[in-house]
Amino acid sequence: MNLVARFGRDEAGELLQSSFAQFQADAGVVGLTSQLRKNEAALDGYRESMTCHLGDFGEYSRIRQRITATEKSNSRRRAATRRSAIAGSLEKLHRGDVIHLSSGRRRGMAVVLAGSGESVAARSQPC
């Protein structure tokens, strides 16, 4: 009543809404802060559990990540080398060469229809 008497009905309503909104926001921050503390305590517990007489899981995890990265890098390198070798082999083909395609949808014997300098194409015939 004091707010209405002092500021009028509309302004008093706005002040109350603003105050209530601030109260809710503050309560939300308190809740988030409390949840953050709980999560940090849980993480501390997990960190403690990760180390025992058998070893340190964190270090094991880092080693596994390095191994995985190395394996991916090696796989990419092998694939690039394989593509390069295939391209080199295809460049050596000439029109009329008979080749054997060992895998893929068109595996079997094939005849080269265009040679180096031309687009290389082949027609396969199942054996």
N, C-alpha and C. Protein backbone atom coordinates (compact mmCIF):
# COMPACT_ATOMS: atom_id res chain seq x y z
N MET A 1 0.81 -1.17 0.00
CA MET A 1 0.00 0.00 0.00
C MET A 1 0.86 1.25 0.00
N ASN A 2 1.97 1.16 0.72
CA ASN A 2 2.86 2.31 0.77
C ASN A 2 3.41 2.65 -0.62
N LEU A 3 3.75 1.58 -1.41
CA LEU A 3 4.26 1.82 -2.76
C LEU A 3 3.21 2.50 -3.63
N VAL A 4 1.96 2.02 -3.55
CA VAL A 4 0.89 2.61 -4.35
C VAL A 4 0.68 4.06 -3.94
N ALA A 5 0.70 4.32 -2.63
CA ALA A 5 0.49 5.69 -2.15
C ALA A 5 1.64 6.59 -2.58
N ARG A 6 2.85 6.04 -2.58
CA ARG A 6 4.02 6.87 -2.86
C ARG A 6 4.26 7.06 -4.35
N PHE A 7 4.11 5.96 -5.17
CA PHE A 7 4.48 6.03 -6.59
C PHE A 7 3.30 5.93 -7.56
N GLY A 8 2.16 5.56 -7.08
CA GLY A 8 1.02 5.35 -7.96
C GLY A 8 0.91 3.87 -8.31
N ARG A 9 -0.28 3.49 -8.79
CA ARG A 9 -0.57 2.08 -9.03
C ARG A 9 0.32 1.45 -10.11
N ASP A 10 0.48 2.09 -11.26
CA ASP A 10 1.26 1.52 -12.37
C ASP A 10 2.73 1.37 -12.01
N GLU A 11 3.32 2.42 -11.47
CA GLU A 11 4.75 2.38 -11.12
C GLU A 11 5.00 1.40 -9.98
N ALA A 12 4.10 1.31 -9.02
CA ALA A 12 4.25 0.36 -7.92
C ALA A 12 4.20 -1.07 -8.46
N GLY A 13 3.32 -1.32 -9.43
CA GLY A 13 3.24 -2.66 -10.05
C GLY A 13 4.53 -3.01 -10.77
N GLU A 14 5.10 -2.05 -11.48
CA GLU A 14 6.37 -2.29 -12.19
C GLU A 14 7.50 -2.56 -11.21
N LEU A 15 7.54 -1.80 -10.11
CA LEU A 15 8.58 -2.02 -9.09
C LEU A 15 8.46 -3.42 -8.48
N LEU A 16 7.25 -3.86 -8.18
CA LEU A 16 7.05 -5.19 -7.61
C LEU A 16 7.46 -6.29 -8.60
N GLN A 17 7.09 -6.10 -9.87
CA GLN A 17 7.47 -7.10 -10.89
C GLN A 17 8.98 -7.17 -11.03
N SER A 18 9.62 -6.02 -11.05
CA SER A 18 11.07 -5.96 -11.16
C SER A 18 11.73 -6.62 -9.96
N SER A 19 11.22 -6.32 -8.78
CA SER A 19 11.77 -6.88 -7.56
C SER A 19 11.61 -8.40 -7.54
N PHE A 20 10.44 -8.90 -7.94
CA PHE A 20 10.19 -10.33 -7.97
C PHE A 20 11.09 -11.01 -9.00
N ALA A 21 11.27 -10.39 -10.16
CA ALA A 21 12.14 -10.95 -11.19
C ALA A 21 13.57 -11.04 -10.69
N GLN A 22 14.03 -10.01 -9.97
CA GLN A 22 15.39 -10.03 -9.41
C GLN A 22 15.51 -11.13 -8.37
N PHE A 23 14.48 -11.30 -7.55
CA PHE A 23 14.47 -12.36 -6.54
C PHE A 23 14.60 -13.73 -7.20
N GLN A 24 13.83 -13.96 -8.28
CA GLN A 24 13.91 -15.23 -8.99
C GLN A 24 15.28 -15.44 -9.62
N ALA A 25 15.85 -14.39 -10.19
CA ALA A 25 17.17 -14.49 -10.81
C ALA A 25 18.22 -14.83 -9.76
N ASP A 26 18.13 -14.16 -8.59
CA ASP A 26 19.08 -14.43 -7.51
C ASP A 26 18.95 -15.87 -7.02
N ALA A 27 17.71 -16.35 -6.90
CA ALA A 27 17.50 -17.72 -6.47
C ALA A 27 18.08 -18.69 -7.50
N GLY A 28 17.94 -18.37 -8.77
CA GLY A 28 18.50 -19.21 -9.82
C GLY A 28 20.01 -19.27 -9.74
N VAL A 29 20.65 -18.13 -9.47
CA VAL A 29 22.11 -18.09 -9.36
C VAL A 29 22.56 -18.92 -8.17
N VAL A 30 21.83 -18.81 -7.06
CA VAL A 30 22.17 -19.59 -5.87
C VAL A 30 22.08 -21.08 -6.19
N GLY A 31 21.02 -21.48 -6.90
CA GLY A 31 20.85 -22.88 -7.28
C GLY A 31 21.96 -23.36 -8.20
N LEU A 32 22.32 -22.53 -9.16
CA LEU A 32 23.40 -22.90 -10.08
C LEU A 32 24.74 -23.00 -9.36
N THR A 33 24.99 -22.09 -8.44
CA THR A 33 26.23 -22.12 -7.68
C THR A 33 26.30 -23.38 -6.84
N SER A 34 25.18 -23.74 -6.22
CA SER A 34 25.13 -24.97 -5.42
C SER A 34 25.39 -26.19 -6.29
N GLN A 35 24.80 -26.24 -7.46
CA GLN A 35 25.00 -27.36 -8.38
C GLN A 35 26.45 -27.42 -8.85
N LEU A 36 27.05 -26.25 -9.08
CA LEU A 36 28.45 -26.20 -9.49
C LEU A 36 29.34 -26.79 -8.41
N ARG A 37 29.09 -26.44 -7.15
CA ARG A 37 29.89 -26.99 -6.04
C ARG A 37 29.75 -28.51 -5.97
N LYS A 38 28.52 -29.01 -6.14
CA LYS A 38 28.30 -30.46 -6.11
C LYS A 38 29.05 -31.14 -7.25
N ASN A 39 28.99 -30.56 -8.44
CA ASN A 39 29.68 -31.14 -9.59
C ASN A 39 31.20 -31.13 -9.39
N GLU A 40 31.73 -30.04 -8.83
CA GLU A 40 33.17 -29.98 -8.58
C GLU A 40 33.59 -31.03 -7.56
N ALA A 41 32.77 -31.23 -6.52
CA ALA A 41 33.07 -32.25 -5.51
C ALA A 41 33.04 -33.64 -6.15
N ALA A 42 32.05 -33.87 -7.02
CA ALA A 42 31.97 -35.17 -7.71
C ALA A 42 33.20 -35.38 -8.59
N LEU A 43 33.63 -34.35 -9.31
CA LEU A 43 34.82 -34.47 -10.15
C LEU A 43 36.06 -34.77 -9.32
N ASP A 44 36.18 -34.12 -8.17
CA ASP A 44 37.31 -34.40 -7.28
C ASP A 44 37.30 -35.86 -6.86
N GLY A 45 36.11 -36.38 -6.54
CA GLY A 45 36.00 -37.80 -6.18
C GLY A 45 36.39 -38.70 -7.33
N TYR A 46 35.97 -38.36 -8.55
CA TYR A 46 36.35 -39.16 -9.72
C TYR A 46 37.85 -39.12 -9.94
N ARG A 47 38.45 -37.93 -9.76
CA ARG A 47 39.91 -37.83 -9.93
C ARG A 47 40.64 -38.72 -8.94
N GLU A 48 40.17 -38.75 -7.71
CA GLU A 48 40.79 -39.62 -6.70
C GLU A 48 40.63 -41.08 -7.09
N SER A 49 39.45 -41.45 -7.59
CA SER A 49 39.18 -42.84 -7.95
C SER A 49 39.97 -43.30 -9.16
N MET A 50 40.44 -42.36 -9.95
CA MET A 50 41.16 -42.71 -11.18
C MET A 50 42.58 -43.19 -10.91
N THR A 51 43.06 -43.00 -9.71
CA THR A 51 44.41 -43.42 -9.37
C THR A 51 44.34 -44.47 -8.27
N CYS A 52 44.99 -45.59 -8.50
CA CYS A 52 45.03 -46.65 -7.49
C CYS A 52 46.35 -47.40 -7.64
N HIS A 53 46.47 -48.51 -6.92
CA HIS A 53 47.71 -49.29 -6.98
C HIS A 53 47.96 -49.90 -8.36
N LEU A 54 46.91 -49.93 -9.21
CA LEU A 54 47.06 -50.48 -10.56
C LEU A 54 47.56 -49.44 -11.56
N GLY A 55 47.49 -48.16 -11.19
CA GLY A 55 47.98 -47.12 -12.09
C GLY A 55 47.07 -45.92 -12.12
N ASP A 56 47.38 -45.03 -13.04
CA ASP A 56 46.66 -43.76 -13.18
C ASP A 56 45.84 -43.82 -14.46
N PHE A 57 44.49 -43.83 -14.32
CA PHE A 57 43.63 -43.93 -15.50
C PHE A 57 43.77 -42.71 -16.40
N GLY A 58 43.97 -41.53 -15.80
CA GLY A 58 44.14 -40.32 -16.60
C GLY A 58 45.32 -40.44 -17.54
N GLU A 59 46.43 -40.95 -17.03
CA GLU A 59 47.62 -41.14 -17.88
C GLU A 59 47.35 -42.19 -18.95
N TYR A 60 46.67 -43.27 -18.56
CA TYR A 60 46.30 -44.31 -19.52
C TYR A 60 45.44 -43.72 -20.64
N SER A 61 44.48 -42.89 -20.27
CA SER A 61 43.60 -42.27 -21.26
C SER A 61 44.40 -41.38 -22.21
N ARG A 62 45.34 -40.61 -21.68
CA ARG A 62 46.17 -39.76 -22.55
C ARG A 62 47.02 -40.60 -23.50
N ILE A 63 47.55 -41.72 -23.01
CA ILE A 63 48.34 -42.61 -23.87
C ILE A 63 47.46 -43.18 -24.98
N ARG A 64 46.23 -43.62 -24.64
CA ARG A 64 45.31 -44.15 -25.65
C ARG A 64 44.97 -43.10 -26.70
N GLN A 65 44.79 -41.85 -26.27
CA GLN A 65 44.48 -40.77 -27.23
C GLN A 65 45.65 -40.56 -28.19
N ARG A 66 46.88 -40.61 -27.66
CA ARG A 66 48.06 -40.44 -28.53
C ARG A 66 48.17 -41.61 -29.51
N ILE A 67 47.91 -42.84 -29.03
CA ILE A 67 47.96 -44.01 -29.90
C ILE A 67 46.92 -43.88 -31.01
N THR A 68 45.70 -43.48 -30.64
CA THR A 68 44.63 -43.32 -31.63
C THR A 68 45.01 -42.27 -32.67
N ALA A 69 45.56 -41.15 -32.23
CA ALA A 69 45.97 -40.09 -33.16
C ALA A 69 47.06 -40.60 -34.10
N THR A 70 48.01 -41.36 -33.57
CA THR A 70 49.09 -41.91 -34.39
C THR A 70 48.55 -42.91 -35.40
N GLU A 71 47.62 -43.77 -34.96
CA GLU A 71 47.03 -44.75 -35.88
C GLU A 71 46.27 -44.06 -37.00
N LYS A 72 45.51 -43.01 -36.68
CA LYS A 72 44.78 -42.27 -37.72
C LYS A 72 45.74 -41.63 -38.71
N SER A 73 46.80 -41.03 -38.19
CA SER A 73 47.79 -40.39 -39.05
C SER A 73 48.44 -41.42 -39.98
N ASN A 74 48.82 -42.57 -39.42
CA ASN A 74 49.44 -43.62 -40.24
C ASN A 74 48.47 -44.14 -41.29
N SER A 75 47.20 -44.28 -40.92
CA SER A 75 46.19 -44.76 -41.86
C SER A 75 46.03 -43.78 -43.02
N ARG A 76 45.99 -42.48 -42.71
CA ARG A 76 45.88 -41.47 -43.77
C ARG A 76 47.12 -41.51 -44.68
N ARG A 77 48.28 -41.69 -44.07
CA ARG A 77 49.52 -41.74 -44.85
C ARG A 77 49.52 -42.96 -45.77
N ARG A 78 49.09 -44.13 -45.26
CA ARG A 78 49.04 -45.34 -46.09
C ARG A 78 48.05 -45.17 -47.23
N ALA A 79 46.90 -44.57 -46.95
CA ALA A 79 45.90 -44.35 -48.00
C ALA A 79 46.44 -43.43 -49.08
N ALA A 80 47.14 -42.38 -48.68
CA ALA A 80 47.71 -41.45 -49.66
C ALA A 80 48.79 -42.16 -50.50
N THR A 81 49.60 -42.99 -49.87
CA THR A 81 50.63 -43.73 -50.59
C THR A 81 49.99 -44.69 -51.58
N ARG A 82 48.91 -45.35 -51.14
CA ARG A 82 48.20 -46.30 -52.02
C ARG A 82 47.59 -45.57 -53.22
N ARG A 83 46.95 -44.42 -52.96
CA ARG A 83 46.37 -43.65 -54.07
C ARG A 83 47.46 -43.22 -55.05
N SER A 84 48.60 -42.81 -54.52
CA SER A 84 49.70 -42.38 -55.37
C SER A 84 50.22 -43.55 -56.21
N ALA A 85 50.33 -44.73 -55.61
CA ALA A 85 50.81 -45.92 -56.34
C ALA A 85 49.81 -46.30 -57.42
N ILE A 86 48.52 -46.22 -57.13
CA ILE A 86 47.50 -46.53 -58.13
C ILE A 86 47.58 -45.54 -59.29
N ALA A 87 47.70 -44.25 -58.97
CA ALA A 87 47.80 -43.24 -60.02
C ALA A 87 49.04 -43.49 -60.88
N GLY A 88 50.15 -43.86 -60.25
CA GLY A 88 51.37 -44.16 -61.01
C GLY A 88 51.19 -45.36 -61.92
N SER A 89 50.50 -46.39 -61.43
CA SER A 89 50.24 -47.58 -62.25
C SER A 89 49.33 -47.24 -63.42
N LEU A 90 48.31 -46.44 -63.18
CA LEU A 90 47.39 -46.08 -64.25
C LEU A 90 48.08 -45.26 -65.33
N GLU A 91 49.04 -44.42 -64.93
CA GLU A 91 49.75 -43.60 -65.91
C GLU A 91 50.59 -44.44 -66.87
N LYS A 92 50.98 -45.64 -66.43
CA LYS A 92 51.83 -46.51 -67.25
C LYS A 92 51.03 -47.33 -68.25
N LEU A 93 49.70 -47.33 -68.12
CA LEU A 93 48.89 -48.15 -69.02
C LEU A 93 48.78 -47.51 -70.40
N HIS A 94 48.67 -48.36 -71.40
CA HIS A 94 48.50 -47.91 -72.79
C HIS A 94 47.27 -48.58 -73.39
N ARG A 95 46.77 -47.98 -74.45
CA ARG A 95 45.62 -48.54 -75.15
C ARG A 95 45.93 -49.98 -75.57
N GLY A 96 44.99 -50.86 -75.27
CA GLY A 96 45.15 -52.27 -75.65
C GLY A 96 45.72 -53.14 -74.54
N ASP A 97 46.26 -52.55 -73.47
CA ASP A 97 46.78 -53.36 -72.36
C ASP A 97 45.63 -54.14 -71.72
N VAL A 98 45.92 -55.37 -71.38
CA VAL A 98 44.94 -56.21 -70.67
C VAL A 98 45.38 -56.25 -69.22
N ILE A 99 44.42 -55.96 -68.35
CA ILE A 99 44.73 -55.93 -66.92
C ILE A 99 43.70 -56.78 -66.17
N HIS A 100 44.06 -57.13 -64.93
CA HIS A 100 43.14 -57.87 -64.07
C HIS A 100 42.74 -56.97 -62.91
N LEU A 101 41.44 -56.73 -62.79
CA LEU A 101 40.92 -55.93 -61.67
C LEU A 101 40.51 -56.92 -60.59
N SER A 102 41.25 -56.90 -59.48
CA SER A 102 41.07 -57.93 -58.45
C SER A 102 39.92 -57.66 -57.49
N SER A 103 39.42 -56.45 -57.47
CA SER A 103 38.32 -56.17 -56.55
C SER A 103 37.43 -55.09 -57.13
N GLY A 104 36.33 -54.85 -56.47
CA GLY A 104 35.42 -53.81 -56.92
C GLY A 104 34.26 -54.39 -57.71
N ARG A 105 33.38 -53.51 -58.11
CA ARG A 105 32.18 -53.91 -58.82
C ARG A 105 32.49 -54.53 -60.19
N ARG A 106 33.54 -54.09 -60.83
CA ARG A 106 33.87 -54.57 -62.18
C ARG A 106 35.14 -55.43 -62.18
N ARG A 107 35.30 -56.26 -61.17
CA ARG A 107 36.51 -57.08 -61.11
C ARG A 107 36.53 -58.11 -62.23
N GLY A 108 37.73 -58.51 -62.56
CA GLY A 108 37.93 -59.46 -63.64
C GLY A 108 38.92 -58.89 -64.65
N MET A 109 38.96 -59.46 -65.82
CA MET A 109 39.87 -59.01 -66.87
C MET A 109 39.28 -57.76 -67.53
N ALA A 110 40.18 -56.84 -67.94
CA ALA A 110 39.74 -55.60 -68.58
C ALA A 110 40.74 -55.21 -69.65
N VAL A 111 40.28 -54.46 -70.63
CA VAL A 111 41.12 -53.94 -71.71
C VAL A 111 41.14 -52.43 -71.58
N VAL A 112 42.33 -51.85 -71.66
CA VAL A 112 42.47 -50.41 -71.59
C VAL A 112 42.08 -49.83 -72.94
N LEU A 113 41.11 -48.91 -72.91
CA LEU A 113 40.63 -48.32 -74.16
C LEU A 113 41.31 -47.00 -74.49
N ALA A 114 41.91 -46.36 -73.49
CA ALA A 114 42.63 -45.11 -73.73
C ALA A 114 43.90 -45.16 -72.90
N GLY A 115 44.98 -44.61 -73.43
CA GLY A 115 46.27 -44.67 -72.75
C GLY A 115 46.63 -43.38 -72.07
N SER A 116 47.89 -43.28 -71.66
CA SER A 116 48.34 -42.08 -70.95
C SER A 116 48.18 -40.86 -71.84
N GLY A 117 47.83 -39.76 -71.25
CA GLY A 117 47.56 -38.55 -72.01
C GLY A 117 46.10 -38.46 -72.39
N GLU A 118 45.43 -39.59 -72.45
CA GLU A 118 43.99 -39.62 -72.70
C GLU A 118 43.34 -40.02 -71.38
N SER A 119 42.04 -39.89 -71.31
CA SER A 119 41.40 -40.37 -70.08
C SER A 119 41.44 -41.89 -70.11
N VAL A 120 41.90 -42.49 -69.02
CA VAL A 120 42.05 -43.94 -68.97
C VAL A 120 40.70 -44.56 -68.65
N ALA A 121 40.27 -45.48 -69.49
CA ALA A 121 39.01 -46.18 -69.28
C ALA A 121 39.27 -47.65 -69.55
N ALA A 122 38.46 -48.50 -68.98
CA ALA A 122 38.65 -49.94 -69.18
C ALA A 122 37.29 -50.60 -69.31
N ARG A 123 37.26 -51.68 -70.05
CA ARG A 123 36.04 -52.48 -70.15
C ARG A 123 36.41 -53.86 -69.58
N SER A 124 35.64 -54.28 -68.60
CA SER A 124 35.97 -55.56 -67.97
C SER A 124 35.08 -56.66 -68.51
N GLN A 125 35.62 -57.84 -68.46
CA GLN A 125 34.89 -59.03 -68.87
C GLN A 125 35.12 -60.07 -67.77
N PRO A 126 34.04 -60.56 -67.13
CA PRO A 126 34.24 -61.57 -66.06
C PRO A 126 34.96 -62.79 -66.60
N CYS A 127 35.80 -63.38 -65.75
CA CYS A 127 36.55 -64.60 -66.13
C CYS A 127 35.71 -65.81 -65.90
